[in-house]
Structure formats: structure tokens, C-alpha cells
Amino acid sequence: MSEQMERIKTLIIGSGPAGYTAAIYAARADLKPVVYTGMEPGGQLTTTTEVDNFPGYPDGVDGPTMMVQLQQQAERFGTDVRIGMVTAVELSDEVGGMHKVTVDDSQQLEAETIIISTGASAKYLGLPSEQRLRGGGVSACAVCDGFFYKGQEVGIVGGGDTAAEEASYLANICKKVTMLIRKDHMRASKAMQHRVNSLENIDIRYNTEIDEVLGDQVVEGLRMVNNQTGEKEEIAITGLFIAIGHKPNTDIFKGQLDMDETGYIITEPDSTKTNKPGVFASGDAQDKIYRQAVTAAGTGCMAALDAERYLATVETTAPVSS
């Protein structure tokens, strides 16, 4: 006779600020949360050297330390944190229905509620020198890390609204911003283009790509190449920001949850509820606008509260067995 499938009251998929905050609230509400960490325990913050803009850290904190502390806080209230990757889900359409989950392509379990906190992954160019210097001057978030380059010269890659917005942000605090756009035009909206063009310390290079990021331990410069002429040029910079977009880690939910055209999970207004009862989405898996640790934590809190209210409703409306 086969073993009975494990049943979990609240399953949290992902272990970034959203997942651990959801776990803290869920555990305190006696929802007995189980967190599966995913392939990158701690999420994107584990690749960030310094976090200066999260409330409660007056002297700043490095990303990995902050995530360890969040995990410890969640575990203090009884959260079961497990190393593993949720690889498949079968979500119920019924209120009170059980959601079936597969972990690491083998283990099967059921969950009464699911909080999705799988985050998003920044897109990078894939250059060896770029990957080697991630955390050493290469960043995918100007709002997160731009402060460290105040008064310095930096570069940014991208031509969309996000790149234009981040270039404008950097221009306010940095001495010079060199913006690399691989096409002969920006994809950004006209308003964002006007903003970028109006800032004198932004040097826009069209038809330009990165040949190599220069530096051993930290970014010291950039070798650019004109993709029309093949001409190469080196400039001195201390920071490089990649702003070519993010990809939400939501592939396993496709076909079951409502998403936008880029894969971000759509939630009800003023809520973390998805189109499936008992399934809630938080953090960067559903937020393509703010993408900050503190906003992710906020939606993690919301998701736990939504799950608690959902379970309370299900329990009060469940038929009494004779």
C-alpha cells in the first residue's frame, strides 16, 4: 500500500523577501507554512552585495545576510523551509479544492493554499566578463545600486522605457551616463525619450553593443563596438547597469493562471488573488512595475493575509459531516 500523500495547509513557492514575509505572517496565523526555496534560495538579493534601502538597516546590509535573517525569522515562528524546486502544479478550480504539486520531478504533495513567490530573473547579455563582475559593478537595478556610484561615470544598456527611466535616475546622481542602444532608435515612449535627450550628462550611443566589460575584481571600464562599422572604443566607468528586461519565473503556471503577455501573473485589484481559488501571487512574479525588496515583502504579507481569510471562509462554509 502506497504512503498517503502529504497535505500542506499553506505552501509557499520561492524564498525571496516575498516568500519569507509570507511565511512569517502565515506561521504566526498558524497556517503551518512550508517553503520550497527553488533553485536560488533567497532570491535575487543573494546576488546583491549591499542593500541600503530596506527599512530597519540603518547601516545597510549585504543581500545574503539579509535573506538568512529573513529565513531565521520565518523559522522562529515554525515555518518549514525545504530545499527543493516545484516543477509542476495542477491547480484546482473549486473553492476548498486541493492543489496538486510536484517537487523535483518526483515528490507529490497536496496544498490547501499556495502562495507564489517565484520572483523574476533579470535578463543579462551573457558575456563572460559581464557575468564575472556581477556584484562587482554589474547590476540589473539602478534604483537598488545606483547610489553606490554617486558622482561617478557609469554605463547602461537598453533602449526601452525601463532603460530610459533608469538612465534618467542615474543622471541625477552620477557624473556621466553612457547609454548603449543596439538599434538606431529607442523603443521607449516619446515622453521617456524626451526626458533622456534633455539631460546633458547622458551620452547616447546608437548601434552600439558591449564587446567586453573591463576589470578584474570590479568594473573599471567598457569596450564598446559599433555594430554597423565594427569600430571599437574603450571608456572608463565604475558601474554598468543592464536594463534589457526581466523574465518572471512563472512558466510552470502557464495555461492555468491568468498572465500578461510577458508572463507576469495577473492578480485581482487590491489583492494577491489569482483566477484560481486558494492560489495567491506576490513579489516580482506579479509585479513588473516596482520590483523592490520592500514592495515584494509587502505583497508577501498581503498574500498570507489573503490565504488566512480564504481558509477561514472555506472552514466556515464546509459541510458538517454526519
Protein backbone atom coordinates (compact mmCIF):
# COMPACT_ATOMS: atom_id res chain seq x y z
CA MET A 1 0.00 0.00 0.00
CA SER A 2 1.44 3.38 -1.01
CA GLU A 3 2.11 6.09 1.52
CA GLN A 4 -0.54 8.76 1.93
CA MET A 5 0.26 11.96 0.03
CA GLU A 6 1.46 14.81 2.23
CA ARG A 7 -1.11 17.56 2.68
CA ILE A 8 0.11 21.10 3.36
CA LYS A 9 -2.08 23.91 4.63
CA THR A 10 -0.08 26.75 3.05
CA LEU A 11 2.63 26.06 0.51
CA ILE A 12 4.94 28.95 -0.35
CA ILE A 13 6.89 28.58 -3.59
CA GLY A 14 10.01 30.73 -3.53
CA SER A 15 12.29 32.13 -0.85
CA GLY A 16 12.90 35.80 -1.56
CA PRO A 17 11.57 38.72 0.50
CA ALA A 18 8.01 37.97 -0.64
CA GLY A 19 8.19 34.27 0.23
CA TYR A 20 9.78 34.69 3.64
CA THR A 21 7.50 37.58 4.63
CA ALA A 22 4.50 35.47 3.61
CA ALA A 23 5.94 32.67 5.73
CA ILE A 24 6.33 34.91 8.78
CA TYR A 25 2.71 36.05 8.61
CA ALA A 26 1.37 32.60 7.72
CA ALA A 27 3.25 30.92 10.56
CA ARG A 28 2.03 33.46 13.10
CA ALA A 29 -1.53 32.77 11.86
CA ASP A 30 -0.99 29.02 12.45
CA LEU A 31 -1.19 28.18 8.74
CA LYS A 32 1.80 25.84 9.15
CA PRO A 33 3.60 27.13 6.05
CA VAL A 34 6.07 25.07 4.08
CA VAL A 35 8.55 27.00 1.92
CA TYR A 36 10.27 25.41 -1.06
CA THR A 37 13.30 27.55 -1.77
CA GLY A 38 13.68 26.96 -5.51
CA MET A 39 16.95 26.96 -7.42
CA GLU A 40 18.12 30.27 -5.93
CA PRO A 41 17.46 30.20 -2.17
CA GLY A 42 16.99 33.78 -1.03
CA GLY A 43 16.11 35.05 -4.49
CA GLN A 44 17.73 37.90 -6.38
CA LEU A 45 19.00 39.59 -3.21
CA THR A 46 21.59 36.85 -2.76
CA THR A 47 23.42 38.32 -5.76
CA THR A 48 23.36 41.86 -4.29
CA THR A 49 26.37 42.96 -2.30
CA GLU A 50 24.81 45.86 -0.40
CA VAL A 51 21.19 46.63 0.45
CA ASP A 52 20.87 50.20 1.68
CA ASN A 53 17.20 50.93 1.06
CA PHE A 54 15.38 48.27 3.11
CA PRO A 55 13.83 49.75 6.26
CA GLY A 56 15.38 48.73 9.56
CA TYR A 57 19.01 48.55 8.46
CA PRO A 58 20.48 52.00 9.24
CA ASP A 59 23.98 50.88 8.26
CA GLY A 60 22.87 48.78 5.30
CA VAL A 61 23.21 45.02 4.97
CA ASP A 62 24.54 42.66 2.36
CA GLY A 63 21.89 40.72 0.45
CA PRO A 64 22.82 37.17 1.53
CA THR A 65 22.91 38.17 5.22
CA MET A 66 19.50 39.80 4.97
CA MET A 67 17.99 36.69 3.39
CA VAL A 68 19.49 34.42 6.06
CA GLN A 69 17.95 36.66 8.72
CA LEU A 70 14.56 36.59 7.00
CA GLN A 71 14.72 32.80 6.86
CA GLN A 72 15.65 32.61 10.54
CA GLN A 73 12.74 34.88 11.43
CA ALA A 74 10.32 32.71 9.44
CA GLU A 75 11.68 29.55 11.05
CA ARG A 76 11.42 31.08 14.51
CA PHE A 77 7.63 31.00 14.14
CA GLY A 78 7.59 27.44 12.86
CA THR A 79 8.00 27.71 9.09
CA ASP A 80 9.27 24.51 7.47
CA VAL A 81 11.91 25.64 4.94
CA ARG A 82 12.84 22.95 2.44
CA ILE A 83 15.47 22.89 -0.28
CA GLY A 84 13.68 21.89 -3.45
CA MET A 85 12.19 23.02 -6.72
CA VAL A 86 8.48 22.91 -7.53
CA THR A 87 8.47 21.52 -11.06
CA ALA A 88 4.76 21.04 -11.82
CA VAL A 89 1.38 22.05 -10.46
CA GLU A 90 -2.22 21.00 -11.04
CA LEU A 91 -4.40 23.78 -9.65
CA SER A 92 -7.97 23.15 -8.58
CA ASP A 93 -10.86 25.26 -9.89
CA GLU A 94 -13.01 24.60 -6.84
CA VAL A 95 -13.19 26.61 -3.64
CA GLY A 96 -11.74 24.35 -0.98
CA GLY A 97 -10.21 22.08 -3.60
CA MET A 98 -6.74 20.60 -3.21
CA HIS A 99 -3.89 21.76 -5.42
CA LYS A 100 -1.50 19.02 -6.54
CA VAL A 101 2.19 19.85 -6.62
CA THR A 102 5.28 18.02 -7.83
CA VAL A 103 8.68 18.77 -6.26
CA ASP A 104 11.95 17.95 -8.05
CA ASP A 105 10.04 15.99 -10.71
CA SER A 106 9.34 13.19 -8.26
CA GLN A 107 7.73 14.04 -4.90
CA GLN A 108 3.95 14.55 -4.92
CA LEU A 109 2.03 16.61 -2.38
CA GLU A 110 -1.24 18.48 -1.93
CA ALA A 111 -1.80 22.04 -0.73
CA GLU A 112 -4.92 23.77 0.52
CA THR A 113 -3.44 27.15 -0.39
CA ILE A 114 -0.45 28.19 -2.47
CA ILE A 115 1.45 31.46 -2.29
CA ILE A 116 3.55 32.01 -5.40
CA SER A 117 6.74 33.96 -4.69
CA THR A 118 8.91 32.69 -7.51
CA GLY A 119 10.18 36.15 -8.45
CA ALA A 120 11.66 37.21 -11.75
CA SER A 121 15.10 36.91 -13.24
CA ALA A 122 16.87 39.88 -14.77
CA LYS A 123 17.93 39.37 -18.36
CA TYR A 124 21.66 39.67 -18.93
CA LEU A 125 23.70 39.81 -22.11
CA GLY A 126 25.52 36.58 -21.33
CA LEU A 127 29.07 37.90 -21.77
CA PRO A 128 31.64 36.08 -19.61
CA SER A 129 33.10 39.38 -18.37
CA GLU A 130 29.61 40.65 -17.51
CA GLN A 131 28.76 37.51 -15.51
CA ARG A 132 32.13 37.52 -13.74
CA LEU A 133 31.62 41.08 -12.50
CA ARG A 134 28.03 40.72 -11.30
CA GLY A 135 28.16 42.10 -7.78
CA GLY A 136 31.41 43.86 -8.63
CA GLY A 137 29.90 46.75 -10.53
CA VAL A 138 27.49 44.99 -12.91
CA SER A 139 23.88 45.36 -11.77
CA ALA A 140 20.38 44.93 -13.17
CA CYS A 141 18.78 47.53 -10.90
CA ALA A 142 19.80 51.18 -10.97
CA VAL A 143 17.32 52.15 -8.25
CA CYS A 144 18.81 49.45 -5.99
CA ASP A 145 22.51 50.05 -6.63
CA GLY A 146 22.88 53.44 -8.31
CA PHE A 147 23.56 55.21 -5.02
CA PHE A 148 26.94 53.46 -4.75
CA TYR A 149 28.09 55.24 -7.92
CA LYS A 150 27.13 58.75 -6.91
CA GLY A 151 29.35 61.29 -8.67
CA GLN A 152 30.95 58.60 -10.85
CA GLU A 153 30.73 57.65 -14.53
CA VAL A 154 28.55 54.66 -15.38
CA GLY A 155 27.10 52.83 -18.36
CA ILE A 156 23.63 51.47 -19.03
CA VAL A 157 22.45 49.01 -21.68
CA GLY A 158 18.94 49.09 -23.14
CA GLY A 159 16.56 51.19 -25.18
CA GLY A 160 13.13 50.63 -23.64
CA ASP A 161 11.16 52.53 -21.02
CA THR A 162 12.95 50.82 -18.14
CA ALA A 163 16.37 51.70 -19.55
CA ALA A 164 15.31 55.30 -20.17
CA GLU A 165 13.86 55.64 -16.69
CA GLU A 166 16.96 54.16 -15.06
CA ALA A 167 19.26 56.32 -17.20
CA SER A 168 17.35 59.40 -16.02
CA TYR A 169 17.64 58.26 -12.42
CA LEU A 170 21.38 57.68 -12.76
CA ALA A 171 21.88 61.03 -14.49
CA ASN A 172 20.61 62.78 -11.35
CA ILE A 173 23.28 61.23 -9.13
CA CYS A 174 26.15 60.29 -11.45
CA LYS A 175 28.67 62.48 -13.22
CA LYS A 176 28.07 60.90 -16.62
CA VAL A 177 25.88 58.12 -18.03
CA THR A 178 26.77 56.39 -21.28
CA MET A 179 23.68 54.72 -22.72
CA LEU A 180 24.22 51.85 -25.18
CA ILE A 181 21.39 51.09 -27.61
CA ARG A 182 21.94 48.30 -30.14
CA LYS A 183 19.45 49.70 -32.66
CA ASP A 184 19.39 53.08 -34.35
CA HIS A 185 16.44 54.19 -32.23
CA MET A 186 14.94 53.84 -28.74
CA ARG A 187 11.94 51.62 -28.04
CA ALA A 188 10.99 53.86 -25.13
CA SER A 189 7.90 56.05 -25.24
CA LYS A 190 8.27 59.52 -26.71
CA ALA A 191 7.94 61.08 -23.27
CA MET A 192 10.79 58.97 -21.91
CA GLN A 193 12.93 59.70 -24.97
CA HIS A 194 12.42 63.44 -24.47
CA ARG A 195 13.43 63.11 -20.82
CA VAL A 196 16.64 61.27 -21.68
CA ASN A 197 17.54 63.62 -24.53
CA SER A 198 17.04 66.64 -22.27
CA LEU A 199 19.73 65.51 -19.80
CA GLU A 200 23.14 66.83 -20.78
CA ASN A 201 25.16 64.21 -18.90
CA ILE A 202 23.63 61.26 -20.78
CA ASP A 203 25.72 60.22 -23.79
CA ILE A 204 23.54 58.08 -26.07
CA ARG A 205 25.36 55.63 -28.34
CA TYR A 206 23.12 54.11 -31.00
CA ASN A 207 24.03 50.93 -32.94
CA THR A 208 26.36 50.14 -30.07
CA GLU A 209 26.88 46.95 -28.07
CA ILE A 210 29.27 45.73 -25.38
CA ASP A 211 32.35 43.91 -26.59
CA GLU A 212 33.73 43.36 -23.10
CA VAL A 213 33.38 44.66 -19.55
CA LEU A 214 36.83 45.65 -18.31
CA GLY A 215 38.20 44.98 -14.83
CA ASP A 216 39.46 42.10 -12.70
CA GLN A 217 37.58 42.33 -9.40
CA VAL A 218 35.40 45.37 -10.09
CA VAL A 219 34.24 47.22 -13.19
CA GLU A 220 36.91 49.59 -14.44
CA GLY A 221 35.75 50.24 -17.99
CA LEU A 222 33.87 49.16 -21.05
CA ARG A 223 34.87 48.20 -24.56
CA MET A 224 32.06 49.12 -26.94
CA VAL A 225 31.61 48.11 -30.57
CA ASN A 226 29.57 49.84 -33.25
CA ASN A 227 27.55 47.06 -34.86
CA GLN A 228 27.40 48.91 -38.17
CA THR A 229 31.05 49.86 -38.64
CA GLY A 230 32.79 47.37 -36.32
CA GLU A 231 34.68 50.23 -34.71
CA LYS A 232 35.63 49.64 -31.06
CA GLU A 233 36.08 52.17 -28.29
CA GLU A 234 37.01 51.93 -24.63
CA ILE A 235 35.64 54.19 -21.89
CA ALA A 236 36.32 54.31 -18.15
CA ILE A 237 33.30 53.53 -15.96
CA THR A 238 32.86 52.13 -12.46
CA GLY A 239 29.33 50.73 -12.78
CA LEU A 240 27.36 49.00 -15.54
CA PHE A 241 23.59 48.62 -15.44
CA ILE A 242 21.82 46.08 -17.65
CA ALA A 243 18.27 47.22 -18.38
CA ILE A 244 17.03 44.85 -21.06
CA GLY A 245 14.12 43.46 -19.09
CA HIS A 246 13.14 40.76 -16.63
CA LYS A 247 11.54 37.36 -17.09
CA PRO A 248 9.08 36.28 -14.39
CA ASN A 249 9.68 32.74 -13.13
CA THR A 250 6.14 31.59 -13.85
CA ASP A 251 6.48 29.00 -16.62
CA ILE A 252 5.08 26.14 -14.52
CA PHE A 253 1.80 28.06 -14.07
CA LYS A 254 1.22 28.81 -17.76
CA GLY A 255 -2.14 27.60 -19.04
CA GLN A 256 -3.61 27.61 -15.53
CA LEU A 257 -3.17 31.13 -14.19
CA ASP A 258 -4.05 34.36 -15.96
CA MET A 259 -0.90 36.19 -17.06
CA ASP A 260 0.02 39.19 -19.17
CA GLU A 261 1.85 38.89 -22.45
CA THR A 262 5.24 38.71 -20.75
CA GLY A 263 4.32 36.09 -18.14
CA TYR A 264 3.58 38.18 -15.06
CA ILE A 265 0.72 36.69 -13.04
CA ILE A 266 -2.41 38.85 -13.01
CA THR A 267 -3.99 39.36 -9.59
CA GLU A 268 -7.28 40.94 -8.63
CA PRO A 269 -7.15 44.68 -7.85
CA ASP A 270 -6.09 45.42 -4.25
CA SER A 271 -5.43 41.74 -3.73
CA THR A 272 -2.99 38.89 -4.36
CA LYS A 273 -5.78 36.57 -5.50
CA THR A 274 -5.28 34.82 -8.84
CA ASN A 275 -8.01 33.30 -11.02
CA LYS A 276 -7.70 30.03 -9.07
CA PRO A 277 -9.29 29.85 -5.59
CA GLY A 278 -6.72 29.45 -2.87
CA VAL A 279 -3.79 30.49 -5.07
CA PHE A 280 -2.12 33.83 -4.40
CA ALA A 281 0.77 35.60 -6.13
CA SER A 282 3.27 38.01 -4.57
CA GLY A 283 6.55 39.72 -5.31
CA ASP A 284 8.19 40.03 -8.70
CA ALA A 285 6.17 37.13 -10.14
CA GLN A 286 3.24 39.57 -10.34
CA ASP A 287 4.90 42.99 -10.04
CA LYS A 288 6.63 44.36 -13.13
CA ILE A 289 6.46 47.99 -12.05
CA TYR A 290 8.24 48.43 -8.71
CA ARG A 291 10.41 45.30 -8.35
CA GLN A 292 11.87 46.27 -4.97
CA ALA A 293 12.58 44.06 -1.97
CA VAL A 294 10.35 46.16 0.29
CA THR A 295 7.38 46.05 -2.11
CA ALA A 296 7.86 42.31 -2.57
CA ALA A 297 7.80 41.88 1.20
CA GLY A 298 4.60 43.93 1.34
CA THR A 299 2.81 41.72 -1.16
CA GLY A 300 4.09 38.65 0.68
CA CYS A 301 2.31 39.94 3.77
CA MET A 302 -0.82 40.55 1.71
CA ALA A 303 -0.72 37.04 0.27
CA ALA A 304 -0.50 35.44 3.72
CA LEU A 305 -3.43 37.53 4.96
CA ASP A 306 -5.43 36.61 1.83
CA ALA A 307 -4.63 32.92 2.38
CA GLU A 308 -5.68 33.13 6.03
CA ARG A 309 -9.01 34.74 5.10
CA TYR A 310 -9.59 32.22 2.32
CA LEU A 311 -9.01 29.27 4.66
CA ALA A 312 -11.29 30.79 7.29
CA THR A 313 -14.04 31.16 4.69
CA VAL A 314 -13.60 27.59 3.47
CA GLU A 315 -13.75 26.21 7.00
CA THR A 316 -16.91 28.13 7.90
CA THR A 317 -18.71 27.08 4.70
CA ALA A 318 -17.60 23.43 4.69
CA PRO A 319 -20.47 20.95 5.10
CA VAL A 320 -20.72 19.29 8.51
CA SER A 321 -20.10 15.55 8.25
CA SER A 322 -22.65 13.29 9.87
